[in-house]
Amino acid sequence: TQVVKAIRTGDTSSGQLVRLHLWNGAIKMAKANPLTGVGHNNFRTEFPKHVDAVLDGNVKTFGTAHNLYLHHLAERGIIGLAAVFWLLAVLLLEAWRRSRDKPSAANLWALGTVTAFLIQNLTEVALQVEILWMLVFFIWIAARTEYNIDRKPS
């Protein structure tokens, strides 16, 4: 009931409520610019035009939607979101296929890492954090290399 009361009164002191406002703003931006979005790196400048709220005490805007999928939909539209889905689907499906064909430690690590990355991006925009996406890609590539070496005929 506290969350409902906070939403009705506009209280944004809770981190979860800040995210709800950010997600709402991202959806509004996407509705206004469905095909191509508001443009790369324009979330911060466009957010106040779509949501009138003071977030986290004294901030009127944030740089990201704190959700990779909504953020890309807002900034890059349906086209950009489709590209992100394609990239992430390839990573996930290939990691799953390799772990199914050869359930080695590396392949299981790759599958687990990609899965965790997809879930993490529900509340973050981890493709903008180099140390995170580089780690995920490194584990995925290392497992791919091991998989290919083991598949070569003698």
N, C-alpha and C. Protein backbone atom coordinates (compact mmCIF):
# COMPACT_ATOMS: atom_id res chain seq x y z
N THR A 1 0.80 -1.20 0.00
CA THR A 1 0.00 0.00 0.00
C THR A 1 0.85 1.27 0.00
N GLN A 2 2.07 1.18 0.54
CA GLN A 2 2.95 2.35 0.53
C GLN A 2 3.31 2.75 -0.89
N VAL A 3 3.54 1.75 -1.75
CA VAL A 3 3.90 2.05 -3.13
C VAL A 3 2.74 2.74 -3.84
N VAL A 4 1.54 2.22 -3.67
CA VAL A 4 0.36 2.82 -4.30
C VAL A 4 0.16 4.25 -3.81
N LYS A 5 0.28 4.46 -2.49
CA LYS A 5 0.14 5.79 -1.92
C LYS A 5 1.20 6.75 -2.47
N ALA A 6 2.43 6.25 -2.57
CA ALA A 6 3.52 7.08 -3.07
C ALA A 6 3.30 7.46 -4.54
N ILE A 7 2.79 6.52 -5.33
CA ILE A 7 2.52 6.81 -6.74
C ILE A 7 1.41 7.86 -6.85
N ARG A 8 0.36 7.70 -6.06
CA ARG A 8 -0.76 8.65 -6.11
C ARG A 8 -0.36 10.04 -5.66
N THR A 9 0.53 10.13 -4.68
CA THR A 9 0.93 11.44 -4.16
C THR A 9 2.14 12.01 -4.89
N GLY A 10 2.78 11.22 -5.75
CA GLY A 10 3.94 11.72 -6.48
C GLY A 10 5.23 11.63 -5.70
N ASP A 11 5.24 10.91 -4.60
CA ASP A 11 6.46 10.73 -3.79
C ASP A 11 7.47 9.93 -4.59
N THR A 12 8.65 10.50 -4.80
CA THR A 12 9.68 9.81 -5.58
C THR A 12 10.93 9.53 -4.74
N SER A 13 10.76 9.40 -3.43
CA SER A 13 11.92 9.17 -2.58
C SER A 13 12.41 7.74 -2.65
N SER A 14 11.58 6.83 -3.11
CA SER A 14 11.96 5.42 -3.21
C SER A 14 12.60 5.15 -4.56
N GLY A 15 13.67 4.37 -4.57
CA GLY A 15 14.34 4.02 -5.82
C GLY A 15 13.44 3.30 -6.81
N GLN A 16 12.56 2.45 -6.29
CA GLN A 16 11.64 1.73 -7.17
C GLN A 16 10.66 2.69 -7.83
N LEU A 17 10.22 3.69 -7.10
CA LEU A 17 9.29 4.65 -7.69
C LEU A 17 9.98 5.54 -8.72
N VAL A 18 11.24 5.85 -8.49
CA VAL A 18 12.01 6.60 -9.49
C VAL A 18 12.04 5.81 -10.78
N ARG A 19 12.29 4.52 -10.68
CA ARG A 19 12.31 3.69 -11.89
C ARG A 19 10.96 3.68 -12.59
N LEU A 20 9.87 3.64 -11.83
CA LEU A 20 8.55 3.67 -12.46
C LEU A 20 8.35 4.96 -13.25
N HIS A 21 8.80 6.09 -12.70
CA HIS A 21 8.72 7.35 -13.44
C HIS A 21 9.61 7.32 -14.68
N LEU A 22 10.80 6.76 -14.55
CA LEU A 22 11.71 6.67 -15.70
C LEU A 22 11.12 5.78 -16.79
N TRP A 23 10.54 4.66 -16.39
CA TRP A 23 9.95 3.74 -17.36
C TRP A 23 8.74 4.39 -18.03
N ASN A 24 7.95 5.10 -17.25
CA ASN A 24 6.80 5.81 -17.80
C ASN A 24 7.25 6.85 -18.83
N GLY A 25 8.31 7.57 -18.51
CA GLY A 25 8.85 8.56 -19.45
C GLY A 25 9.36 7.91 -20.71
N ALA A 26 10.02 6.77 -20.58
CA ALA A 26 10.53 6.06 -21.75
C ALA A 26 9.38 5.61 -22.65
N ILE A 27 8.33 5.12 -22.05
CA ILE A 27 7.16 4.69 -22.84
C ILE A 27 6.53 5.88 -23.55
N LYS A 28 6.42 7.00 -22.87
CA LYS A 28 5.86 8.20 -23.49
C LYS A 28 6.74 8.69 -24.65
N MET A 29 8.07 8.64 -24.47
CA MET A 29 8.97 9.03 -25.56
C MET A 29 8.80 8.10 -26.75
N ALA A 30 8.69 6.81 -26.47
CA ALA A 30 8.53 5.83 -27.55
C ALA A 30 7.21 6.04 -28.29
N LYS A 31 6.16 6.37 -27.57
CA LYS A 31 4.87 6.62 -28.22
C LYS A 31 4.94 7.86 -29.11
N ALA A 32 5.70 8.86 -28.68
CA ALA A 32 5.83 10.09 -29.47
C ALA A 32 6.71 9.91 -30.70
N ASN A 33 7.66 8.97 -30.62
CA ASN A 33 8.61 8.73 -31.72
C ASN A 33 8.80 7.23 -31.90
N PRO A 34 7.78 6.51 -32.35
CA PRO A 34 7.82 5.05 -32.31
C PRO A 34 8.86 4.39 -33.21
N LEU A 35 9.12 4.92 -34.37
CA LEU A 35 9.99 4.24 -35.31
C LEU A 35 11.47 4.41 -34.98
N THR A 36 11.90 5.64 -34.76
CA THR A 36 13.33 5.90 -34.55
C THR A 36 13.67 6.46 -33.18
N GLY A 37 12.70 6.69 -32.32
CA GLY A 37 12.98 7.19 -30.99
C GLY A 37 13.37 8.66 -30.98
N VAL A 38 13.82 9.13 -29.82
CA VAL A 38 14.18 10.54 -29.65
C VAL A 38 15.63 10.82 -30.02
N GLY A 39 16.37 9.79 -30.36
CA GLY A 39 17.76 9.97 -30.78
C GLY A 39 18.74 9.49 -29.72
N HIS A 40 19.88 9.02 -30.19
CA HIS A 40 20.92 8.48 -29.32
C HIS A 40 21.35 9.52 -28.29
N ASN A 41 21.38 9.11 -27.05
CA ASN A 41 21.86 9.92 -25.92
C ASN A 41 20.98 11.15 -25.65
N ASN A 42 19.71 11.09 -26.02
CA ASN A 42 18.80 12.20 -25.79
C ASN A 42 17.80 11.94 -24.67
N PHE A 43 17.94 10.83 -23.97
CA PHE A 43 16.98 10.52 -22.90
C PHE A 43 16.96 11.63 -21.86
N ARG A 44 18.13 12.08 -21.44
CA ARG A 44 18.23 13.09 -20.38
C ARG A 44 17.51 14.39 -20.77
N THR A 45 17.68 14.83 -22.00
CA THR A 45 17.07 16.10 -22.41
C THR A 45 15.58 15.95 -22.71
N GLU A 46 15.16 14.78 -23.18
CA GLU A 46 13.76 14.58 -23.55
C GLU A 46 12.87 14.19 -22.37
N PHE A 47 13.44 13.59 -21.35
CA PHE A 47 12.63 13.09 -20.23
C PHE A 47 11.75 14.16 -19.60
N PRO A 48 12.27 15.36 -19.26
CA PRO A 48 11.41 16.36 -18.62
C PRO A 48 10.24 16.83 -19.50
N LYS A 49 10.34 16.64 -20.81
CA LYS A 49 9.26 17.02 -21.70
C LYS A 49 8.07 16.05 -21.59
N HIS A 50 8.34 14.84 -21.08
CA HIS A 50 7.31 13.81 -21.04
C HIS A 50 6.83 13.48 -19.62
N VAL A 51 7.66 13.80 -18.61
CA VAL A 51 7.29 13.51 -17.22
C VAL A 51 7.63 14.73 -16.38
N ASP A 52 6.64 15.23 -15.67
CA ASP A 52 6.85 16.37 -14.79
C ASP A 52 6.93 15.86 -13.36
N ALA A 53 8.15 15.51 -12.93
CA ALA A 53 8.34 14.99 -11.58
C ALA A 53 9.74 15.34 -11.11
N VAL A 54 9.87 15.51 -9.82
CA VAL A 54 11.19 15.67 -9.20
C VAL A 54 11.57 14.30 -8.67
N LEU A 55 12.69 13.79 -9.15
CA LEU A 55 13.10 12.43 -8.82
C LEU A 55 14.20 12.43 -7.77
N ASP A 56 14.15 11.46 -6.91
CA ASP A 56 15.22 11.23 -5.95
C ASP A 56 15.59 12.48 -5.15
N GLY A 57 14.59 13.23 -4.75
CA GLY A 57 14.83 14.39 -3.91
C GLY A 57 14.90 15.70 -4.65
N ASN A 58 15.80 15.83 -5.65
CA ASN A 58 15.96 17.14 -6.28
C ASN A 58 16.33 17.07 -7.76
N VAL A 59 16.20 15.94 -8.39
CA VAL A 59 16.62 15.77 -9.77
C VAL A 59 15.40 15.76 -10.68
N LYS A 60 15.46 16.48 -11.79
CA LYS A 60 14.34 16.51 -12.74
C LYS A 60 14.50 15.48 -13.86
N THR A 61 15.69 14.90 -14.01
CA THR A 61 15.88 13.95 -15.10
C THR A 61 17.02 12.99 -14.79
N PHE A 62 17.09 11.92 -15.53
CA PHE A 62 18.17 10.94 -15.44
C PHE A 62 18.69 10.69 -16.85
N GLY A 63 19.87 10.11 -16.94
CA GLY A 63 20.46 9.83 -18.25
C GLY A 63 19.96 8.56 -18.89
N THR A 64 19.37 7.67 -18.09
CA THR A 64 18.88 6.41 -18.66
C THR A 64 17.52 6.07 -18.05
N ALA A 65 16.84 5.14 -18.70
CA ALA A 65 15.55 4.69 -18.21
C ALA A 65 15.68 3.60 -17.14
N HIS A 66 16.90 3.18 -16.85
CA HIS A 66 17.13 2.08 -15.91
C HIS A 66 16.38 0.82 -16.34
N ASN A 67 16.29 0.62 -17.63
CA ASN A 67 15.76 -0.60 -18.24
C ASN A 67 16.27 -0.56 -19.68
N LEU A 68 17.16 -1.47 -20.03
CA LEU A 68 17.79 -1.45 -21.35
C LEU A 68 16.76 -1.45 -22.47
N TYR A 69 15.73 -2.25 -22.33
CA TYR A 69 14.77 -2.45 -23.40
C TYR A 69 13.91 -1.19 -23.60
N LEU A 70 13.43 -0.60 -22.52
CA LEU A 70 12.67 0.64 -22.63
C LEU A 70 13.56 1.81 -23.04
N HIS A 71 14.80 1.81 -22.57
CA HIS A 71 15.73 2.87 -22.93
C HIS A 71 15.99 2.87 -24.43
N HIS A 72 16.25 1.70 -24.99
CA HIS A 72 16.50 1.63 -26.43
C HIS A 72 15.23 1.93 -27.23
N LEU A 73 14.09 1.52 -26.73
CA LEU A 73 12.83 1.85 -27.39
C LEU A 73 12.64 3.36 -27.41
N ALA A 74 12.93 4.04 -26.30
CA ALA A 74 12.77 5.50 -26.22
C ALA A 74 13.77 6.23 -27.10
N GLU A 75 15.04 5.83 -27.04
CA GLU A 75 16.07 6.57 -27.79
C GLU A 75 16.21 6.14 -29.24
N ARG A 76 15.96 4.87 -29.55
CA ARG A 76 16.22 4.36 -30.89
C ARG A 76 14.98 3.80 -31.57
N GLY A 77 13.86 3.82 -30.87
CA GLY A 77 12.61 3.38 -31.45
C GLY A 77 12.55 1.87 -31.67
N ILE A 78 11.55 1.47 -32.43
CA ILE A 78 11.34 0.05 -32.71
C ILE A 78 12.52 -0.54 -33.47
N ILE A 79 13.10 0.24 -34.36
CA ILE A 79 14.24 -0.25 -35.15
C ILE A 79 15.42 -0.55 -34.24
N GLY A 80 15.76 0.35 -33.35
CA GLY A 80 16.87 0.14 -32.43
C GLY A 80 16.61 -0.99 -31.45
N LEU A 81 15.38 -1.07 -30.96
CA LEU A 81 15.04 -2.15 -30.04
C LEU A 81 15.15 -3.50 -30.74
N ALA A 82 14.72 -3.57 -31.99
CA ALA A 82 14.82 -4.82 -32.74
C ALA A 82 16.29 -5.22 -32.91
N ALA A 83 17.17 -4.27 -33.14
CA ALA A 83 18.60 -4.57 -33.27
C ALA A 83 19.17 -5.11 -31.95
N VAL A 84 18.78 -4.51 -30.84
CA VAL A 84 19.24 -4.98 -29.53
C VAL A 84 18.70 -6.39 -29.25
N PHE A 85 17.42 -6.61 -29.55
CA PHE A 85 16.85 -7.94 -29.37
C PHE A 85 17.57 -8.97 -30.23
N TRP A 86 17.91 -8.61 -31.45
CA TRP A 86 18.64 -9.53 -32.33
C TRP A 86 19.98 -9.90 -31.72
N LEU A 87 20.75 -8.90 -31.28
CA LEU A 87 22.06 -9.16 -30.67
C LEU A 87 21.93 -10.06 -29.45
N LEU A 88 21.03 -9.72 -28.55
CA LEU A 88 20.89 -10.49 -27.32
C LEU A 88 20.32 -11.89 -27.58
N ALA A 89 19.44 -12.01 -28.56
CA ALA A 89 18.90 -13.33 -28.90
C ALA A 89 19.99 -14.23 -29.47
N VAL A 90 20.86 -13.69 -30.30
CA VAL A 90 21.97 -14.47 -30.85
C VAL A 90 22.87 -14.95 -29.71
N LEU A 91 23.20 -14.05 -28.79
CA LEU A 91 24.05 -14.44 -27.66
C LEU A 91 23.40 -15.55 -26.84
N LEU A 92 22.13 -15.39 -26.52
CA LEU A 92 21.44 -16.37 -25.68
C LEU A 92 21.25 -17.70 -26.40
N LEU A 93 20.76 -17.67 -27.61
CA LEU A 93 20.48 -18.92 -28.33
C LEU A 93 21.76 -19.70 -28.64
N GLU A 94 22.81 -19.00 -29.00
CA GLU A 94 24.08 -19.68 -29.28
C GLU A 94 24.68 -20.27 -27.99
N ALA A 95 24.61 -19.52 -26.89
CA ALA A 95 25.10 -20.05 -25.61
C ALA A 95 24.28 -21.27 -25.19
N TRP A 96 22.98 -21.22 -25.38
CA TRP A 96 22.12 -22.35 -25.04
C TRP A 96 22.46 -23.56 -25.92
N ARG A 97 22.63 -23.35 -27.22
CA ARG A 97 22.96 -24.45 -28.14
C ARG A 97 24.29 -25.10 -27.76
N ARG A 98 25.28 -24.27 -27.48
CA ARG A 98 26.59 -24.83 -27.11
C ARG A 98 26.53 -25.57 -25.79
N SER A 99 25.80 -25.06 -24.81
CA SER A 99 25.71 -25.75 -23.51
C SER A 99 24.92 -27.05 -23.63
N ARG A 100 23.99 -27.11 -24.56
CA ARG A 100 23.23 -28.33 -24.80
C ARG A 100 24.09 -29.37 -25.51
N ASP A 101 24.86 -28.94 -26.53
CA ASP A 101 25.72 -29.85 -27.30
C ASP A 101 26.92 -30.34 -26.50
N LYS A 102 27.50 -29.45 -25.73
CA LYS A 102 28.69 -29.79 -24.94
C LYS A 102 28.61 -29.05 -23.61
N PRO A 103 28.01 -29.65 -22.59
CA PRO A 103 27.81 -28.97 -21.30
C PRO A 103 29.10 -28.84 -20.48
N SER A 104 30.08 -28.13 -21.03
CA SER A 104 31.32 -27.90 -20.30
C SER A 104 31.14 -26.70 -19.36
N ALA A 105 32.11 -26.51 -18.50
CA ALA A 105 32.05 -25.39 -17.56
C ALA A 105 31.98 -24.06 -18.31
N ALA A 106 32.79 -23.90 -19.35
CA ALA A 106 32.80 -22.63 -20.10
C ALA A 106 31.46 -22.36 -20.76
N ASN A 107 30.87 -23.38 -21.36
CA ASN A 107 29.58 -23.19 -22.03
C ASN A 107 28.46 -22.90 -21.03
N LEU A 108 28.49 -23.56 -19.88
CA LEU A 108 27.49 -23.28 -18.86
C LEU A 108 27.67 -21.89 -18.26
N TRP A 109 28.93 -21.47 -18.10
CA TRP A 109 29.22 -20.11 -17.64
C TRP A 109 28.67 -19.09 -18.63
N ALA A 110 28.89 -19.35 -19.91
CA ALA A 110 28.41 -18.42 -20.94
C ALA A 110 26.89 -18.31 -20.90
N LEU A 111 26.21 -19.44 -20.80
CA LEU A 111 24.76 -19.43 -20.74
C LEU A 111 24.26 -18.70 -19.50
N GLY A 112 24.85 -19.00 -18.36
CA GLY A 112 24.45 -18.34 -17.12
C GLY A 112 24.72 -16.84 -17.14
N THR A 113 25.86 -16.46 -17.70
CA THR A 113 26.23 -15.05 -17.76
C THR A 113 25.30 -14.27 -18.66
N VAL A 114 25.01 -14.81 -19.83
CA VAL A 114 24.10 -14.12 -20.76
C VAL A 114 22.70 -14.03 -20.15
N THR A 115 22.24 -15.09 -19.54
CA THR A 115 20.91 -15.08 -18.91
C THR A 115 20.85 -14.02 -17.80
N ALA A 116 21.86 -13.98 -16.96
CA ALA A 116 21.90 -12.98 -15.89
C ALA A 116 21.95 -11.57 -16.46
N PHE A 117 22.70 -11.39 -17.53
CA PHE A 117 22.81 -10.08 -18.19
C PHE A 117 21.45 -9.61 -18.71
N LEU A 118 20.70 -10.53 -19.31
CA LEU A 118 19.36 -10.18 -19.82
C LEU A 118 18.44 -9.77 -18.69
N ILE A 119 18.51 -10.47 -17.58
CA ILE A 119 17.65 -10.15 -16.43
C ILE A 119 18.09 -8.84 -15.78
N GLN A 120 19.39 -8.66 -15.64
CA GLN A 120 19.91 -7.43 -15.03
C GLN A 120 19.43 -6.19 -15.79
N ASN A 121 19.33 -6.31 -17.11
CA ASN A 121 18.95 -5.17 -17.92
C ASN A 121 17.49 -4.78 -17.78
N LEU A 122 16.72 -5.52 -17.00
CA LEU A 122 15.36 -5.09 -16.69
C LEU A 122 15.36 -3.88 -15.77
N THR A 123 16.43 -3.70 -14.99
CA THR A 123 16.51 -2.56 -14.08
C THR A 123 17.76 -1.71 -14.27
N GLU A 124 18.53 -1.99 -15.30
CA GLU A 124 19.74 -1.22 -15.59
C GLU A 124 19.91 -1.13 -17.11
N VAL A 125 20.85 -0.31 -17.53
CA VAL A 125 21.22 -0.23 -18.94
C VAL A 125 22.69 -0.65 -19.02
N ALA A 126 22.92 -1.95 -18.86
CA ALA A 126 24.28 -2.47 -18.71
C ALA A 126 25.09 -2.44 -20.01
N LEU A 127 24.46 -2.22 -21.15
CA LEU A 127 25.25 -2.07 -22.38
C LEU A 127 26.02 -0.76 -22.38
N GLN A 128 25.72 0.14 -21.48
CA GLN A 128 26.47 1.38 -21.35
C GLN A 128 27.58 1.29 -20.31
N VAL A 129 27.68 0.16 -19.65
CA VAL A 129 28.71 -0.04 -18.63
C VAL A 129 29.73 -1.03 -19.20
N GLU A 130 30.85 -0.50 -19.67
CA GLU A 130 31.83 -1.31 -20.40
C GLU A 130 32.29 -2.54 -19.64
N ILE A 131 32.55 -2.39 -18.35
CA ILE A 131 33.08 -3.51 -17.59
C ILE A 131 32.09 -4.67 -17.54
N LEU A 132 30.79 -4.39 -17.59
CA LEU A 132 29.78 -5.45 -17.56
C LEU A 132 29.64 -6.15 -18.91
N TRP A 133 29.39 -5.36 -19.97
CA TRP A 133 29.18 -6.02 -21.25
C TRP A 133 30.45 -6.67 -21.76
N MET A 134 31.62 -6.09 -21.45
CA MET A 134 32.87 -6.71 -21.88
C MET A 134 33.08 -8.06 -21.19
N LEU A 135 32.73 -8.15 -19.92
CA LEU A 135 32.85 -9.41 -19.19
C LEU A 135 31.93 -10.46 -19.80
N VAL A 136 30.68 -10.09 -20.06
CA VAL A 136 29.72 -11.02 -20.67
C VAL A 136 30.23 -11.49 -22.03
N PHE A 137 30.66 -10.56 -22.86
CA PHE A 137 31.14 -10.92 -24.20
C PHE A 137 32.41 -11.74 -24.12
N PHE A 138 33.31 -11.42 -23.19
CA PHE A 138 34.56 -12.18 -23.04
C PHE A 138 34.26 -13.63 -22.67
N ILE A 139 33.38 -13.84 -21.71
CA ILE A 139 33.02 -15.22 -21.31
C ILE A 139 32.37 -15.95 -22.47
N TRP A 140 31.50 -15.27 -23.20
CA TRP A 140 30.81 -15.88 -24.34
C TRP A 140 31.81 -16.26 -25.43
N ILE A 141 32.75 -15.37 -25.74
CA ILE A 141 33.76 -15.63 -26.78
C ILE A 141 34.72 -16.72 -26.33
N ALA A 142 35.12 -16.71 -25.07
CA ALA A 142 36.02 -17.75 -24.57
C ALA A 142 35.36 -19.13 -24.67
N ALA A 143 34.09 -19.21 -24.33
CA ALA A 143 33.37 -20.48 -24.44
C ALA A 143 33.23 -20.88 -25.90
N ARG A 144 33.01 -19.93 -26.76
CA ARG A 144 32.90 -20.21 -28.20
C ARG A 144 34.21 -20.76 -28.75
N THR A 145 35.30 -20.17 -28.33
CA THR A 145 36.63 -20.62 -28.77
C THR A 145 36.86 -22.05 -28.32
N GLU A 146 36.57 -22.34 -27.06
CA GLU A 146 36.73 -23.71 -26.55
C GLU A 146 35.84 -24.68 -27.33
N TYR A 147 34.63 -24.27 -27.59
CA TYR A 147 33.67 -25.10 -28.31
C TYR A 147 34.19 -25.41 -29.72
N ASN A 148 34.70 -24.42 -30.40
CA ASN A 148 35.21 -24.62 -31.76
C ASN A 148 36.47 -25.49 -31.78
N ILE A 149 37.35 -25.32 -30.79
CA ILE A 149 38.56 -26.14 -30.73
C ILE A 149 38.19 -27.61 -30.54
N ASP A 150 37.25 -27.86 -29.66
CA ASP A 150 36.84 -29.24 -29.39
C ASP A 150 36.08 -29.88 -30.55
N ARG A 151 35.50 -29.10 -31.42
CA ARG A 151 34.70 -29.63 -32.53
C ARG A 151 35.54 -29.97 -33.76
N LYS A 152 36.78 -29.47 -33.84
CA LYS A 152 37.61 -29.70 -35.02
C LYS A 152 37.95 -31.19 -35.13
N PRO A 153 37.83 -31.75 -36.36
CA PRO A 153 38.17 -33.16 -36.54
C PRO A 153 39.67 -33.39 -36.41
N SER A 154 40.06 -34.58 -35.96
CA SER A 154 41.48 -34.89 -35.78
C SER A 154 42.11 -35.28 -37.08
